[in-house]
N, C-alpha and C. Protein backbone atom coordinates (compact mmCIF):
# COMPACT_ATOMS: atom_id res chain seq x y z
N MET A 1 24.53 5.94 0.03
CA MET A 1 23.02 5.68 -0.60
C MET A 1 23.25 5.45 -2.05
N THR A 2 22.96 4.41 -2.43
CA THR A 2 22.81 4.10 -4.10
C THR A 2 21.83 4.74 -4.82
N LEU A 3 21.91 5.02 -6.03
CA LEU A 3 20.79 5.56 -6.89
C LEU A 3 19.64 4.58 -6.70
N MET A 4 19.70 3.47 -6.99
CA MET A 4 18.65 2.59 -6.87
C MET A 4 17.82 2.68 -5.57
N ARG A 5 18.73 2.81 -4.68
CA ARG A 5 17.81 3.06 -3.29
C ARG A 5 17.28 4.33 -3.05
N LYS A 6 17.77 5.35 -3.63
CA LYS A 6 17.11 6.62 -3.72
C LYS A 6 16.00 6.66 -4.39
N ARG A 7 16.08 5.87 -5.60
CA ARG A 7 14.78 5.87 -6.19
C ARG A 7 13.59 5.18 -5.86
N LEU A 8 14.07 3.98 -5.07
CA LEU A 8 12.88 3.29 -4.43
C LEU A 8 12.31 3.97 -3.24
N ASP A 9 13.26 4.80 -2.56
CA ASP A 9 12.74 5.67 -1.61
C ASP A 9 11.74 6.67 -2.10
N LEU A 10 12.15 7.21 -3.13
CA LEU A 10 11.04 8.20 -3.79
C LEU A 10 9.95 7.78 -4.20
N ASP A 11 10.00 6.48 -4.68
CA ASP A 11 8.88 5.70 -5.22
C ASP A 11 8.04 5.52 -3.95
N ARG A 12 8.43 5.10 -2.89
CA ARG A 12 7.61 4.91 -1.60
C ARG A 12 7.09 6.02 -1.20
N GLU A 13 7.95 7.09 -1.21
CA GLU A 13 7.14 8.35 -0.82
C GLU A 13 6.09 9.06 -1.63
N ILE A 14 6.26 8.88 -2.99
CA ILE A 14 5.37 9.26 -3.78
C ILE A 14 4.00 8.25 -3.59
N ALA A 15 4.11 6.88 -3.55
CA ALA A 15 2.79 6.00 -3.30
C ALA A 15 2.33 6.53 -2.21
N GLY A 16 2.87 7.06 -1.10
CA GLY A 16 2.42 7.18 0.24
C GLY A 16 1.53 8.65 0.10
N LEU A 17 1.68 9.22 -1.06
CA LEU A 17 0.94 10.55 -0.87
C LEU A 17 -0.64 10.36 -0.85
N GLY A 18 -0.88 9.12 -1.19
CA GLY A 18 -2.58 8.87 -1.30
C GLY A 18 -3.00 8.40 0.02
N GLU A 19 -2.04 8.49 0.97
CA GLU A 19 -2.34 8.27 2.35
C GLU A 19 -2.49 9.63 3.21
N ARG A 20 -1.99 10.78 2.47
CA ARG A 20 -2.06 12.04 3.20
C ARG A 20 -3.51 12.68 3.22
N THR A 21 -3.77 13.51 4.14
CA THR A 21 -4.88 14.09 4.35
C THR A 21 -5.13 15.40 3.07
N ARG A 22 -6.18 15.67 2.80
CA ARG A 22 -6.42 16.78 1.97
C ARG A 22 -5.57 18.05 2.51
N ASP A 23 -5.96 18.16 3.95
CA ASP A 23 -5.20 19.34 4.55
C ASP A 23 -3.52 19.32 4.37
N GLU A 24 -3.08 18.27 4.40
CA GLU A 24 -1.66 18.13 4.45
C GLU A 24 -1.24 18.35 2.82
N LEU A 25 -2.02 17.96 1.89
CA LEU A 25 -1.71 18.00 0.71
C LEU A 25 -1.87 19.60 0.33
N THR A 26 -2.80 20.29 0.71
CA THR A 26 -2.98 21.55 0.58
C THR A 26 -2.08 22.72 1.23
N ALA A 27 -1.63 22.10 2.42
CA ALA A 27 -0.18 22.60 3.03
C ALA A 27 0.84 22.39 1.90
N ALA A 28 1.14 21.32 1.49
CA ALA A 28 2.21 20.98 0.52
C ALA A 28 2.22 21.83 -0.72
N TRP A 29 1.12 22.09 -1.32
CA TRP A 29 0.67 22.93 -2.35
C TRP A 29 0.92 24.54 -1.94
N THR A 30 0.45 24.80 -0.87
CA THR A 30 0.63 26.21 -0.57
C THR A 30 2.34 26.56 -0.17
N LYS A 31 2.93 25.59 0.35
CA LYS A 31 4.25 25.71 0.30
C LYS A 31 5.18 25.82 -0.94
N ALA A 32 4.86 25.03 -1.78
CA ALA A 32 5.38 25.05 -3.07
C ALA A 32 5.06 26.25 -3.93
N TYR A 33 3.87 26.71 -3.87
CA TYR A 33 3.41 27.53 -4.91
C TYR A 33 3.25 28.89 -3.92
N GLY A 34 3.31 29.15 -2.80
CA GLY A 34 3.45 30.43 -2.28
C GLY A 34 1.68 30.92 -2.11
N CYS A 35 0.86 30.03 -2.31
CA CYS A 35 -0.55 30.35 -2.10
C CYS A 35 -1.42 29.31 -2.17
N PRO A 36 -2.61 29.32 -1.62
CA PRO A 36 -3.46 28.11 -1.69
C PRO A 36 -3.73 27.52 -2.86
N PRO A 37 -4.21 26.42 -3.04
CA PRO A 37 -4.85 25.88 -4.30
C PRO A 37 -6.10 26.60 -4.57
N PRO A 38 -6.37 26.59 -5.87
CA PRO A 38 -7.58 27.21 -6.37
C PRO A 38 -8.98 26.50 -5.72
N LYS A 39 -9.85 27.26 -5.63
CA LYS A 39 -11.20 26.62 -4.75
C LYS A 39 -11.56 25.49 -5.83
N GLY A 40 -12.00 24.49 -5.13
CA GLY A 40 -12.40 23.43 -5.86
C GLY A 40 -11.61 22.48 -6.49
N VAL A 41 -10.13 22.81 -6.43
CA VAL A 41 -9.01 21.88 -6.95
C VAL A 41 -9.42 20.29 -6.27
N LYS A 42 -9.37 19.46 -7.22
CA LYS A 42 -9.58 17.91 -6.95
C LYS A 42 -8.37 17.52 -6.21
N ARG A 43 -8.52 16.43 -5.47
CA ARG A 43 -7.50 15.60 -4.70
C ARG A 43 -6.35 15.23 -5.54
N GLY A 44 -6.90 14.63 -6.82
CA GLY A 44 -5.93 14.11 -7.77
C GLY A 44 -4.85 15.14 -8.32
N LEU A 45 -5.18 16.31 -8.38
CA LEU A 45 -4.18 17.31 -8.82
C LEU A 45 -3.16 17.47 -7.60
N LEU A 46 -3.86 17.67 -6.44
CA LEU A 46 -2.79 18.02 -5.03
C LEU A 46 -1.94 16.84 -5.21
N GLU A 47 -2.26 15.53 -5.20
CA GLU A 47 -1.42 14.60 -5.09
C GLU A 47 -0.40 14.66 -6.46
N ARG A 48 -0.67 14.95 -7.53
CA ARG A 48 0.18 14.77 -8.62
C ARG A 48 1.03 16.23 -8.47
N SER A 49 0.63 17.28 -8.15
CA SER A 49 1.77 18.34 -7.73
C SER A 49 2.67 17.94 -6.66
N ALA A 50 2.26 17.39 -5.49
CA ALA A 50 3.19 16.89 -4.57
C ALA A 50 4.13 15.99 -5.13
N ALA A 51 3.57 15.05 -5.88
CA ALA A 51 4.61 13.94 -6.62
C ALA A 51 5.62 14.79 -7.40
N TRP A 52 5.20 15.58 -8.23
CA TRP A 52 6.24 16.40 -9.05
C TRP A 52 7.11 17.15 -8.39
N HIS A 53 6.76 17.67 -7.31
CA HIS A 53 7.75 18.70 -6.43
C HIS A 53 8.76 17.80 -5.78
N LEU A 54 8.06 16.38 -5.23
CA LEU A 54 9.21 15.53 -4.57
C LEU A 54 10.21 15.30 -5.82
N GLN A 55 9.70 14.89 -7.11
CA GLN A 55 10.73 14.22 -8.07
C GLN A 55 11.66 15.40 -8.42
N VAL A 56 11.26 16.72 -8.33
CA VAL A 56 12.27 17.93 -8.68
C VAL A 56 13.01 17.94 -7.59
N LYS A 57 12.83 17.97 -6.37
CA LYS A 57 13.63 17.99 -5.28
C LYS A 57 14.67 17.03 -5.21
N ARG A 58 14.32 15.53 -5.81
CA ARG A 58 15.22 14.83 -5.50
C ARG A 58 16.05 14.43 -6.93
N LEU A 59 15.48 14.71 -7.97
CA LEU A 59 16.01 14.16 -9.20
C LEU A 59 16.38 15.67 -10.16
N GLY A 60 15.98 16.66 -9.82
CA GLY A 60 16.13 18.06 -10.45
C GLY A 60 14.97 18.11 -11.35
N GLY A 61 14.86 19.42 -12.01
CA GLY A 61 13.62 20.04 -12.49
C GLY A 61 13.99 20.27 -13.96
N VAL A 62 13.46 20.88 -14.75
CA VAL A 62 13.41 21.14 -16.17
C VAL A 62 14.73 22.03 -16.27
N THR A 63 15.60 21.97 -17.29
CA THR A 63 16.69 22.72 -17.76
C THR A 63 16.30 24.13 -17.72
N SER A 64 17.31 25.04 -17.67
CA SER A 64 16.94 26.49 -18.03
C SER A 64 16.63 26.77 -19.50
N THR A 65 17.29 25.81 -20.39
CA THR A 65 16.91 25.98 -21.88
C THR A 65 15.49 25.74 -22.11
N VAL A 66 14.87 24.68 -21.40
CA VAL A 66 13.34 24.20 -21.43
C VAL A 66 12.72 25.36 -21.05
N LYS A 67 12.90 25.90 -19.97
CA LYS A 67 12.08 26.94 -19.35
C LYS A 67 12.24 28.21 -20.35
N LYS A 68 13.45 28.56 -20.69
CA LYS A 68 13.26 29.69 -21.66
C LYS A 68 12.42 29.28 -22.89
N THR A 69 12.64 28.09 -23.42
CA THR A 69 11.76 27.62 -24.59
C THR A 69 10.18 27.74 -24.43
N LEU A 70 9.86 27.41 -23.10
CA LEU A 70 8.47 27.25 -22.69
C LEU A 70 8.26 28.80 -22.49
N GLY A 71 8.75 29.65 -22.07
CA GLY A 71 8.54 30.95 -21.47
C GLY A 71 8.30 31.85 -22.95
N THR A 72 9.13 31.62 -23.96
CA THR A 72 9.08 32.31 -25.24
C THR A 72 7.83 31.55 -26.09
N GLY A 73 7.26 30.61 -25.79
CA GLY A 73 6.28 30.01 -26.42
C GLY A 73 6.54 29.35 -27.81
N ASN A 74 7.88 29.04 -27.98
CA ASN A 74 8.45 28.36 -29.28
C ASN A 74 8.49 26.92 -29.03
N ALA A 75 7.94 26.41 -28.02
CA ALA A 75 7.81 25.03 -27.90
C ALA A 75 6.70 24.50 -29.18
N ARG A 76 7.16 23.55 -29.75
CA ARG A 76 6.07 22.77 -30.74
C ARG A 76 5.46 21.59 -30.31
N ARG A 77 4.09 21.50 -30.81
CA ARG A 77 3.34 20.46 -30.14
C ARG A 77 3.83 19.34 -30.91
N THR A 78 4.00 18.11 -30.44
CA THR A 78 4.17 16.92 -31.33
C THR A 78 3.29 15.88 -30.91
N ASN A 79 3.02 15.20 -31.90
CA ASN A 79 2.15 13.94 -31.69
C ASN A 79 3.02 12.68 -31.46
N VAL A 80 2.78 12.03 -30.27
CA VAL A 80 3.53 10.87 -30.10
C VAL A 80 2.40 9.68 -30.14
N ASP A 81 2.77 8.83 -31.02
CA ASP A 81 2.20 7.46 -30.98
C ASP A 81 2.81 6.40 -30.54
């Protein structure tokens, strides 16, 4: 399977998240984080979380260097115009 094909499949899967039930999105959250979502969390956040986890699974997550930087609080805030 080509990279372009994989990307199109991922795009379609992410687009399909809007068709999932809230219960399905909640189950995906619980599987990803090991606990249910906070009470009152909005559907949009459940969808974005599921999309992020799909992308990480297929494309990879942040590097260990980024994790370390974020964990130490040394990340600098920048303005992007």
